[in-house]
Amino acid sequence: MTMYSPFNMKKILSFVSLALLISNVASAQISNQTLNGRDGEANVITTAVPFLTIAPDSRSGAMGDAGVSTSPDINSQHHNPAKYAFMKNDFGISISYTPWLRQLVNDINLAYVAGYKKIGGGQAISGSLRYFSLGDITFTNMNGDVTGQHKPNEFALDFGYNRMLGENISGSITLRYVNSNLTGGYSGTGPQTKVGQAFASDISAFYKKQMEVQKKNAELGVGINISNIGSKMSYTDGAVKDFLPAMLRLGSSFKLDMDDYNSILGVVEMSKLLVPTPPIYYAVGDTLPDGSIVSIPQHYVRYGKPSDVSVPTGIFQSFWDAPGVQLDPLNPDDRSRFKEEWREVNWSIGLEYWYSKQFALRGGYFHEDATKGNRKFFTVGLGLKLKVFALDFSYLIPTAQRHPLGNTLRFTIMFDFEASKKDANPQDKK
């Protein structure tokens, strides 16, 4: 990547966040200043460190990014750490790798390591490290002369505590440190930049119920996760701080054992950013209700709520602060706030088939409204489980051509150290 001066932090943030959220390059040119809120026009919510929202593992990546309510696995740290309390084995670790945005650049990737350890009494501790590399950036001046180079990167370090709260329900609390080094302190002709840092937490719960359906074993799963609740992030001193991508995930899954060798799992989940929706402002020259004329751009909110609020206010406000969809083309005041809020809900649908608990086929679909990013894609994947380790693979198929996420691959390898221990100690297999 090449970044031209005068240096503007917004350029990097826009590239990173919008490339993750918007399905085509042209959509990245949309700005809040040009929005009028009519039906069908975009009003995309952007945040700092959007890499925290990327599903890092292949199993979820193969099922439309669903994972908050699926059966427990080693990669539950991202989706719902409360599931670790239901893990049968005492210890496990996984490693995932995802080349990212290959349709735009060839040097962005996401690496992810997750693991857990049961500590008895229906309790478990867990953790993960997520590292997002954005390749190389070359800073130049207006004449094209190179003024600096940097390898931007971001990472997040998690630690979670998970325990059973009852026979069928578990809960979890996760603490997270986030580090975002996008500029390496480069300033150019603008203000001095710095590494963005923030602390956040997750709260999650998982319900699992064994049952019988027509004399076949079945399992119901329900999960909820409120993630990335934490401080705002800034890349310069005194600058307006950006929200972390706080998110609500909610879903349900159903697993049916058709016989001793075949089982199938279906899952439906929803997600919503708990971040203020950008309002629509009066334009310069507009007349305010008090009769005065607007002279300062983006100063007076016309529709919606101000987005420069505290984190707690932003979370609660995110359910009702949308400026609303303009229903009547001739009447800008005829708006539906509920309609726009509903558009901010993303949906994931996934299926998983297992044969003999060793071979898995997966598929899914992810939907995001066109006015909120337009991510719509199908996913497929395979899984192979051996004695000591398991391999997962997933592939993303976008519904639109020239999609930045096109041809996205995810690879995951998981290690079951308890199985290794049993192989070394045959008596443990009894």
Protein backbone atom coordinates (compact mmCIF):
# COMPACT_ATOMS: atom_id res chain seq x y z
CA MET A 1 0.00 0.00 0.00
CA THR A 2 1.03 3.56 -0.63
CA MET A 3 -0.16 6.47 1.52
CA TYR A 4 0.11 9.98 0.13
CA SER A 5 0.72 13.10 2.13
CA PRO A 6 -0.36 15.32 3.62
CA PHE A 7 -0.76 12.49 6.10
CA ASN A 8 -4.32 11.84 7.27
CA MET A 9 -5.09 9.10 9.78
CA LYS A 10 -8.62 8.88 8.43
CA LYS A 11 -7.25 7.48 5.17
CA ILE A 12 -5.80 4.44 6.86
CA LEU A 13 -8.80 3.97 9.11
CA SER A 14 -11.15 4.26 6.17
CA PHE A 15 -9.21 1.71 4.15
CA VAL A 16 -9.01 -0.80 6.96
CA SER A 17 -12.56 -0.47 8.28
CA LEU A 18 -14.46 0.07 5.06
CA ALA A 19 -12.57 -2.65 3.23
CA LEU A 20 -13.68 -5.02 5.94
CA LEU A 21 -17.26 -3.87 5.93
CA ILE A 22 -18.12 -2.86 2.36
CA SER A 23 -18.49 -5.24 -0.52
CA ASN A 24 -17.04 -3.14 -3.33
CA VAL A 25 -14.40 -0.48 -3.66
CA ALA A 26 -16.78 2.15 -4.96
CA SER A 27 -18.83 1.95 -1.78
CA ALA A 28 -15.79 3.08 0.19
CA GLN A 29 -16.22 6.54 -1.29
CA ILE A 30 -19.45 7.07 0.68
CA SER A 31 -19.19 9.66 3.46
CA ASN A 32 -21.62 10.86 6.06
CA GLN A 33 -21.54 14.35 4.57
CA THR A 34 -23.23 13.14 1.39
CA LEU A 35 -25.92 10.98 2.96
CA ASN A 36 -29.51 12.15 2.98
CA GLY A 37 -31.02 9.07 4.50
CA ARG A 38 -33.36 8.11 1.67
CA ASP A 39 -34.45 4.48 1.37
CA GLY A 40 -31.66 2.43 -0.21
CA GLU A 41 -28.82 4.84 0.58
CA ALA A 42 -25.93 3.72 2.76
CA ASN A 43 -25.24 4.79 6.31
CA VAL A 44 -22.37 2.51 7.33
CA ILE A 45 -21.21 2.27 10.96
CA THR A 46 -17.42 2.34 11.24
CA THR A 47 -15.27 1.69 14.31
CA ALA A 48 -11.66 1.40 15.33
CA VAL A 49 -9.95 -2.01 15.07
CA PRO A 50 -12.62 -3.77 12.96
CA PHE A 51 -10.34 -6.83 12.82
CA LEU A 52 -11.88 -7.82 16.17
CA THR A 53 -15.09 -8.71 14.34
CA ILE A 54 -13.49 -11.13 11.87
CA ALA A 55 -14.31 -14.78 12.53
CA PRO A 56 -10.77 -16.19 12.84
CA ASP A 57 -11.42 -19.94 12.66
CA SER A 58 -12.35 -22.21 9.80
CA ARG A 59 -15.35 -23.92 11.41
CA SER A 60 -17.22 -20.67 11.92
CA GLY A 61 -15.89 -19.37 8.61
CA ALA A 62 -17.52 -22.34 6.87
CA MET A 63 -20.93 -21.76 8.53
CA GLY A 64 -21.60 -18.14 7.63
CA ASP A 65 -19.53 -16.82 10.57
CA ALA A 66 -21.91 -18.50 13.05
CA GLY A 67 -20.35 -19.62 16.32
CA VAL A 68 -22.03 -18.15 19.40
CA SER A 69 -24.46 -21.07 19.78
CA THR A 70 -22.72 -23.96 18.01
CA SER A 71 -21.44 -26.97 19.95
CA PRO A 72 -18.32 -26.22 22.04
CA ASP A 73 -14.92 -26.34 20.36
CA ILE A 74 -11.40 -25.07 21.00
CA ASN A 75 -12.04 -21.82 19.07
CA SER A 76 -14.93 -20.74 21.31
CA GLN A 77 -12.85 -17.88 22.73
CA HIS A 78 -13.87 -15.52 19.92
CA HIS A 79 -17.51 -16.53 19.60
CA ASN A 80 -18.62 -17.55 23.09
CA PRO A 81 -16.05 -18.52 25.76
CA ALA A 82 -18.82 -19.80 28.03
CA LYS A 83 -18.88 -22.94 25.87
CA TYR A 84 -15.51 -24.01 27.29
CA ALA A 85 -17.19 -25.08 30.53
CA PHE A 86 -18.92 -27.86 28.56
CA MET A 87 -15.74 -29.19 26.94
CA LYS A 88 -15.17 -32.87 27.67
CA ASN A 89 -11.38 -32.81 27.45
CA ASP A 90 -9.19 -30.96 29.92
CA PHE A 91 -6.91 -29.05 27.55
CA GLY A 92 -6.76 -27.99 23.92
CA ILE A 93 -5.14 -25.44 21.62
CA SER A 94 -5.75 -24.32 18.05
CA ILE A 95 -3.93 -22.26 15.43
CA SER A 96 -5.72 -20.48 12.57
CA TYR A 97 -4.48 -18.50 9.60
CA THR A 98 -6.46 -16.37 7.14
CA PRO A 99 -5.09 -14.47 4.13
CA TRP A 100 -7.36 -11.40 4.08
CA LEU A 101 -8.66 -9.13 1.30
CA ARG A 102 -6.75 -10.95 -1.42
CA GLN A 103 -8.87 -9.22 -4.06
CA LEU A 104 -7.35 -5.85 -3.01
CA VAL A 105 -3.84 -6.58 -1.74
CA ASN A 106 -1.67 -9.67 -1.26
CA ASP A 107 0.04 -8.94 2.07
CA ILE A 108 -2.77 -8.74 4.66
CA ASN A 109 -3.36 -11.73 6.93
CA LEU A 110 -4.90 -12.71 10.26
CA ALA A 111 -3.25 -15.21 12.62
CA TYR A 112 -5.09 -16.60 15.64
CA VAL A 113 -4.11 -18.85 18.54
CA ALA A 114 -6.71 -19.99 21.10
CA GLY A 115 -6.74 -22.47 23.93
CA TYR A 116 -8.37 -23.52 27.18
CA LYS A 117 -7.68 -25.51 30.34
CA LYS A 118 -10.28 -27.10 32.63
CA ILE A 119 -9.52 -26.41 36.29
CA GLY A 120 -12.16 -28.57 37.96
CA GLY A 121 -15.49 -27.85 39.52
CA GLY A 122 -17.08 -27.05 36.16
CA GLN A 123 -14.56 -24.25 35.58
CA ALA A 124 -12.13 -23.43 32.81
CA ILE A 125 -9.68 -20.71 31.88
CA SER A 126 -9.10 -19.69 28.30
CA GLY A 127 -7.11 -17.27 26.22
CA SER A 128 -6.27 -16.20 22.70
CA LEU A 129 -3.90 -14.06 20.69
CA ARG A 130 -5.10 -12.43 17.51
CA TYR A 131 -2.54 -10.78 15.20
CA PHE A 132 -3.55 -8.77 12.15
CA SER A 133 -0.80 -7.80 9.70
CA LEU A 134 -1.53 -5.11 7.12
CA GLY A 135 1.55 -5.60 4.99
CA ASP A 136 3.70 -2.58 4.08
CA ILE A 137 2.77 1.09 3.82
CA THR A 138 4.90 3.63 2.02
CA PHE A 139 4.33 7.30 2.88
CA THR A 140 5.02 9.83 0.13
CA ASN A 141 4.72 13.57 -0.29
CA MET A 142 2.79 15.41 -2.99
CA ASN A 143 5.73 15.00 -5.38
CA GLY A 144 5.81 11.24 -4.94
CA ASP A 145 8.99 11.23 -2.87
CA VAL A 146 9.15 8.51 -0.22
CA THR A 147 8.97 10.05 3.26
CA GLY A 148 8.59 6.93 5.37
CA GLN A 149 7.75 3.25 5.50
CA HIS A 150 5.95 1.12 8.05
CA LYS A 151 4.56 -2.36 8.60
CA PRO A 152 1.20 -1.66 10.28
CA ASN A 153 -0.18 -4.30 12.56
CA GLU A 154 -2.81 -4.84 15.23
CA PHE A 155 -3.19 -7.47 17.92
CA ALA A 156 -5.52 -8.43 20.76
CA LEU A 157 -4.70 -10.54 23.80
CA ASP A 158 -7.55 -12.23 25.70
CA PHE A 159 -7.96 -14.00 29.01
CA GLY A 160 -11.26 -15.60 30.04
CA TYR A 161 -12.78 -17.28 33.06
CA ASN A 162 -15.63 -19.71 32.38
CA ARG A 163 -17.77 -21.82 34.71
CA MET A 164 -20.97 -23.80 34.97
CA LEU A 165 -23.84 -21.80 36.48
CA GLY A 166 -26.23 -24.75 36.55
CA GLU A 167 -26.70 -28.17 35.06
CA ASN A 168 -27.35 -26.82 31.56
CA ILE A 169 -26.00 -23.27 31.57
CA SER A 170 -22.58 -21.65 31.76
CA GLY A 171 -21.21 -18.12 31.85
CA SER A 172 -17.96 -16.37 31.04
CA ILE A 173 -16.10 -13.10 31.55
CA THR A 174 -13.24 -12.16 29.23
CA LEU A 175 -10.67 -9.38 29.54
CA ARG A 176 -8.94 -8.04 26.44
CA TYR A 177 -6.01 -5.76 25.60
CA VAL A 178 -6.01 -4.24 22.11
CA ASN A 179 -2.99 -2.67 20.39
CA SER A 180 -3.23 -0.94 17.00
CA ASN A 181 -0.01 0.33 15.42
CA LEU A 182 -1.08 1.68 12.03
CA THR A 183 1.44 4.47 11.48
CA GLY A 184 4.56 3.76 13.56
CA GLY A 185 4.41 7.31 14.95
CA TYR A 186 4.59 8.90 11.49
CA SER A 187 3.27 12.47 11.35
CA GLY A 188 4.09 13.88 7.91
CA THR A 189 2.59 17.34 7.73
CA GLY A 190 -0.15 16.47 10.19
CA PRO A 191 -0.29 15.82 13.93
CA GLN A 192 1.99 13.34 15.64
CA THR A 193 0.46 9.88 15.65
CA LYS A 194 0.77 7.17 18.24
CA VAL A 195 -0.10 3.55 18.85
CA GLY A 196 -3.78 3.08 19.62
CA GLN A 197 -4.44 1.13 22.81
CA ALA A 198 -7.61 0.04 24.56
CA PHE A 199 -8.99 -2.39 27.12
CA ALA A 200 -12.23 -4.27 26.70
CA SER A 201 -14.29 -7.11 28.13
CA ASP A 202 -16.82 -9.71 26.98
CA ILE A 203 -19.79 -11.20 28.82
CA SER A 204 -21.26 -14.41 27.47
CA ALA A 205 -23.55 -17.30 28.36
CA PHE A 206 -24.36 -20.69 26.84
CA TYR A 207 -27.26 -23.07 27.36
CA LYS A 208 -27.08 -26.71 26.28
CA LYS A 209 -29.88 -29.25 26.69
CA GLN A 210 -29.79 -32.92 25.81
CA MET A 211 -33.08 -34.34 24.56
CA GLU A 212 -34.65 -37.10 22.52
CA VAL A 213 -36.49 -36.58 19.22
CA GLN A 214 -38.25 -39.62 17.76
CA LYS A 215 -35.95 -41.89 19.74
CA LYS A 216 -32.88 -40.13 18.41
CA ASN A 217 -30.40 -38.18 20.54
CA ALA A 218 -30.57 -34.43 20.04
CA GLU A 219 -29.01 -31.33 21.53
CA LEU A 220 -30.30 -27.76 21.75
CA GLY A 221 -27.84 -24.89 22.11
CA VAL A 222 -28.54 -21.22 22.85
CA GLY A 223 -25.77 -18.64 23.14
CA ILE A 224 -25.32 -14.94 23.74
CA ASN A 225 -22.16 -12.83 23.73
CA ILE A 226 -21.70 -9.09 24.29
CA SER A 227 -18.14 -8.39 23.19
CA ASN A 228 -15.62 -5.54 23.08
CA ILE A 229 -17.15 -3.43 25.82
CA GLY A 230 -14.32 -1.06 26.60
CA SER A 231 -12.53 2.21 26.25
CA LYS A 232 -12.40 4.28 23.08
CA MET A 233 -9.28 4.42 20.94
CA SER A 234 -7.34 7.35 19.49
CA TYR A 235 -4.26 7.58 17.28
CA THR A 236 -3.36 11.19 18.10
CA ASP A 237 -3.38 13.29 21.28
CA GLY A 238 -6.49 15.35 21.65
CA ALA A 239 -8.25 13.78 18.68
CA VAL A 240 -11.79 12.49 18.72
CA LYS A 241 -11.72 8.93 19.95
CA ASP A 242 -13.32 6.06 18.07
CA PHE A 243 -15.54 3.33 19.51
CA LEU A 244 -14.39 -0.25 19.67
CA PRO A 245 -16.64 -2.65 17.72
CA ALA A 246 -18.85 -3.61 20.66
CA MET A 247 -21.23 -6.26 19.41
CA LEU A 248 -24.23 -8.31 20.49
CA ARG A 249 -24.37 -11.86 19.18
CA LEU A 250 -27.36 -14.13 19.81
CA GLY A 251 -28.25 -17.48 18.31
CA SER A 252 -29.54 -21.01 18.61
CA SER A 253 -28.42 -24.36 17.26
CA PHE A 254 -29.94 -27.84 17.03
CA LYS A 255 -27.96 -31.04 16.64
CA LEU A 256 -29.51 -34.41 15.73
CA ASP A 257 -27.75 -37.78 15.82
CA MET A 258 -29.40 -39.63 12.93
CA ASP A 259 -27.62 -42.88 13.82
CA ASP A 260 -24.35 -44.07 15.32
CA TYR A 261 -22.34 -42.64 12.42
CA ASN A 262 -24.22 -39.61 11.08
CA SER A 263 -25.15 -36.33 12.77
CA ILE A 264 -26.22 -32.90 11.56
CA LEU A 265 -26.24 -29.49 13.21
CA GLY A 266 -28.16 -26.40 12.10
CA VAL A 267 -27.65 -22.91 13.46
CA VAL A 268 -29.24 -19.47 13.08
CA GLU A 269 -27.59 -16.41 14.62
CA MET A 270 -27.87 -12.63 14.58
CA SER A 271 -25.39 -9.90 15.39
CA LYS A 272 -25.55 -6.13 15.84
CA LEU A 273 -22.93 -3.49 16.51
CA LEU A 274 -23.54 -1.70 19.83
CA VAL A 275 -22.12 1.52 18.43
CA PRO A 276 -23.95 4.79 17.66
CA THR A 277 -25.29 5.11 14.13
CA PRO A 278 -23.88 8.16 12.28
CA PRO A 279 -26.51 10.91 12.34
CA ILE A 280 -27.54 13.12 9.44
CA TYR A 281 -26.47 16.73 9.87
CA TYR A 282 -27.82 19.99 8.59
CA ALA A 283 -25.81 21.13 5.58
CA VAL A 284 -24.08 24.49 5.40
CA GLY A 285 -26.68 27.05 4.38
CA ASP A 286 -29.65 25.12 5.82
CA THR A 287 -32.08 26.92 8.10
CA LEU A 288 -32.29 25.60 11.65
CA PRO A 289 -35.62 25.37 13.53
CA ASP A 290 -34.73 28.59 15.39
CA GLY A 291 -34.31 30.43 12.07
CA SER A 292 -30.51 30.67 12.12
CA ILE A 293 -28.37 29.60 9.16
CA VAL A 294 -25.89 26.71 9.45
CA SER A 295 -22.30 27.84 8.89
CA ILE A 296 -20.35 24.97 10.46
CA PRO A 297 -20.47 21.59 8.67
CA GLN A 298 -21.44 18.54 10.74
CA HIS A 299 -22.32 20.61 13.78
CA TYR A 300 -26.09 20.42 14.05
CA VAL A 301 -27.84 17.03 14.02
CA ARG A 302 -30.96 16.94 11.86
CA TYR A 303 -31.93 13.27 12.18
CA GLY A 304 -30.68 10.73 14.68
CA LYS A 305 -28.60 11.27 17.79
CA PRO A 306 -25.12 12.75 18.32
CA SER A 307 -22.53 10.00 18.06
CA ASP A 308 -19.86 11.66 20.21
CA VAL A 309 -21.07 10.12 23.48
CA SER A 310 -19.67 7.90 26.22
CA VAL A 311 -19.33 4.15 25.74
CA PRO A 312 -22.25 3.18 28.06
CA THR A 313 -24.49 5.78 26.41
CA GLY A 314 -23.41 4.62 22.96
CA ILE A 315 -24.25 0.97 23.75
CA PHE A 316 -27.78 1.70 24.95
CA GLN A 317 -28.32 4.42 22.35
CA SER A 318 -27.36 2.05 19.52
CA PHE A 319 -30.78 0.36 19.68
CA TRP A 320 -32.77 3.48 18.78
CA ASP A 321 -30.48 6.29 17.54
CA ALA A 322 -30.62 5.65 13.79
CA PRO A 323 -31.62 8.73 11.74
CA GLY A 324 -34.20 6.55 10.04
CA VAL A 325 -35.08 5.63 6.48
CA GLN A 326 -36.79 8.36 4.49
CA LEU A 327 -40.08 6.82 3.36
CA ASP A 328 -41.49 9.69 1.30
CA PRO A 329 -39.05 11.03 -1.36
CA LEU A 330 -40.74 14.42 -1.12
CA ASN A 331 -40.83 14.63 2.68
CA PRO A 332 -37.44 14.21 4.44
CA ASP A 333 -39.18 14.25 7.83
CA ASP A 334 -41.23 11.13 7.04
CA ARG A 335 -38.81 8.53 8.39
CA SER A 336 -38.75 5.06 9.93
CA ARG A 337 -36.18 4.68 12.68
CA PHE A 338 -37.16 1.05 13.31
CA LYS A 339 -36.57 0.14 9.66
CA GLU A 340 -33.00 1.37 9.74
CA GLU A 341 -32.29 -0.24 13.13
CA TRP A 342 -33.52 -3.56 11.73
CA ARG A 343 -31.13 -3.18 8.81
CA GLU A 344 -28.24 -3.09 11.29
CA VAL A 345 -28.92 -6.70 12.27
CA ASN A 346 -26.72 -9.24 10.45
CA TRP A 347 -27.75 -12.86 10.00
CA SER A 348 -25.73 -16.08 9.89
CA ILE A 349 -27.13 -19.47 8.86
CA GLY A 350 -25.02 -22.61 9.00
CA LEU A 351 -25.15 -26.40 8.61
CA GLU A 352 -22.64 -29.01 9.76
CA TYR A 353 -22.64 -32.71 8.92
CA TRP A 354 -20.42 -35.23 10.70
CA TYR A 355 -19.66 -38.78 9.64
CA SER A 356 -18.35 -41.10 12.32
CA LYS A 357 -17.24 -38.06 14.34
CA GLN A 358 -14.20 -37.85 12.07
CA PHE A 359 -15.21 -36.14 8.82
CA ALA A 360 -17.26 -32.93 8.56
CA LEU A 361 -18.97 -31.07 5.73
CA ARG A 362 -20.08 -27.49 6.39
CA GLY A 363 -21.95 -24.72 4.63
CA GLY A 364 -23.49 -21.38 5.47
CA TYR A 365 -24.67 -17.94 4.47
CA PHE A 366 -24.01 -14.48 5.89
CA HIS A 367 -26.29 -11.49 5.22
CA GLU A 368 -25.69 -7.80 5.83
CA ASP A 369 -28.03 -5.14 4.49
CA ALA A 370 -26.81 -3.22 1.44
CA THR A 371 -27.09 0.09 3.29
CA LYS A 372 -24.87 -1.14 6.14
CA GLY A 373 -21.97 -2.68 4.22
CA ASN A 374 -23.55 -5.16 1.82
CA ARG A 375 -21.60 -8.21 2.92
CA LYS A 376 -23.50 -11.15 1.46
CA PHE A 377 -21.68 -14.41 0.95
CA PHE A 378 -21.93 -18.19 1.02
CA THR A 379 -19.37 -20.32 2.81
CA VAL A 380 -18.28 -23.96 2.57
CA GLY A 381 -15.75 -26.02 4.44
CA LEU A 382 -14.33 -29.39 5.44
CA GLY A 383 -13.17 -30.86 8.73
CA LEU A 384 -11.05 -33.89 9.56
CA LYS A 385 -10.61 -35.14 13.12
CA LEU A 386 -7.85 -37.56 14.01
CA LYS A 387 -6.72 -38.88 17.38
CA VAL A 388 -4.44 -36.07 18.44
CA PHE A 389 -5.24 -33.25 16.07
CA ALA A 390 -7.96 -31.95 13.75
CA LEU A 391 -7.84 -29.93 10.54
CA ASP A 392 -10.46 -27.47 9.30
CA PHE A 393 -10.70 -25.58 6.04
CA SER A 394 -13.20 -22.98 4.79
CA TYR A 395 -13.83 -20.98 1.62
CA LEU A 396 -15.89 -17.82 1.13
CA ILE A 397 -18.04 -17.25 -1.98
CA PRO A 398 -19.41 -13.68 -2.25
CA THR A 399 -22.67 -12.97 -4.04
CA ALA A 400 -21.23 -9.86 -5.72
CA GLN A 401 -18.47 -9.69 -8.30
CA ARG A 402 -15.10 -8.16 -7.42
CA HIS A 403 -15.91 -8.48 -3.74
CA PRO A 404 -12.93 -7.60 -1.44
CA LEU A 405 -13.58 -10.81 0.52
CA GLY A 406 -13.70 -13.01 -2.58
CA ASN A 407 -11.67 -16.23 -2.44
CA THR A 408 -11.05 -15.88 1.30
CA LEU A 409 -9.53 -19.06 2.75
CA ARG A 410 -9.23 -20.02 6.40
CA PHE A 411 -7.05 -22.80 7.82
CA THR A 412 -7.23 -24.19 11.36
CA ILE A 413 -5.32 -26.95 13.13
CA MET A 414 -6.40 -28.10 16.60
CA PHE A 415 -4.51 -30.22 19.08
CA ASP A 416 -6.12 -32.49 21.66
CA PHE A 417 -3.36 -33.08 24.18
CA GLU A 418 -5.56 -35.32 26.30
CA ALA A 419 -5.82 -37.74 23.41
CA SER A 420 -2.04 -37.66 23.12
CA LYS A 421 -1.77 -38.41 26.82
CA LYS A 422 -4.14 -41.36 26.47
CA ASP A 423 -2.09 -42.78 23.62
CA ALA A 424 0.97 -42.62 25.85
CA ASN A 425 -0.92 -44.17 28.78
CA PRO A 426 -3.22 -46.97 27.53
CA GLN A 427 -4.79 -47.36 30.98
CA ASP A 428 -6.34 -43.90 30.59
CA LYS A 429 -8.45 -45.15 27.67
CA LYS A 430 -10.57 -47.28 29.95
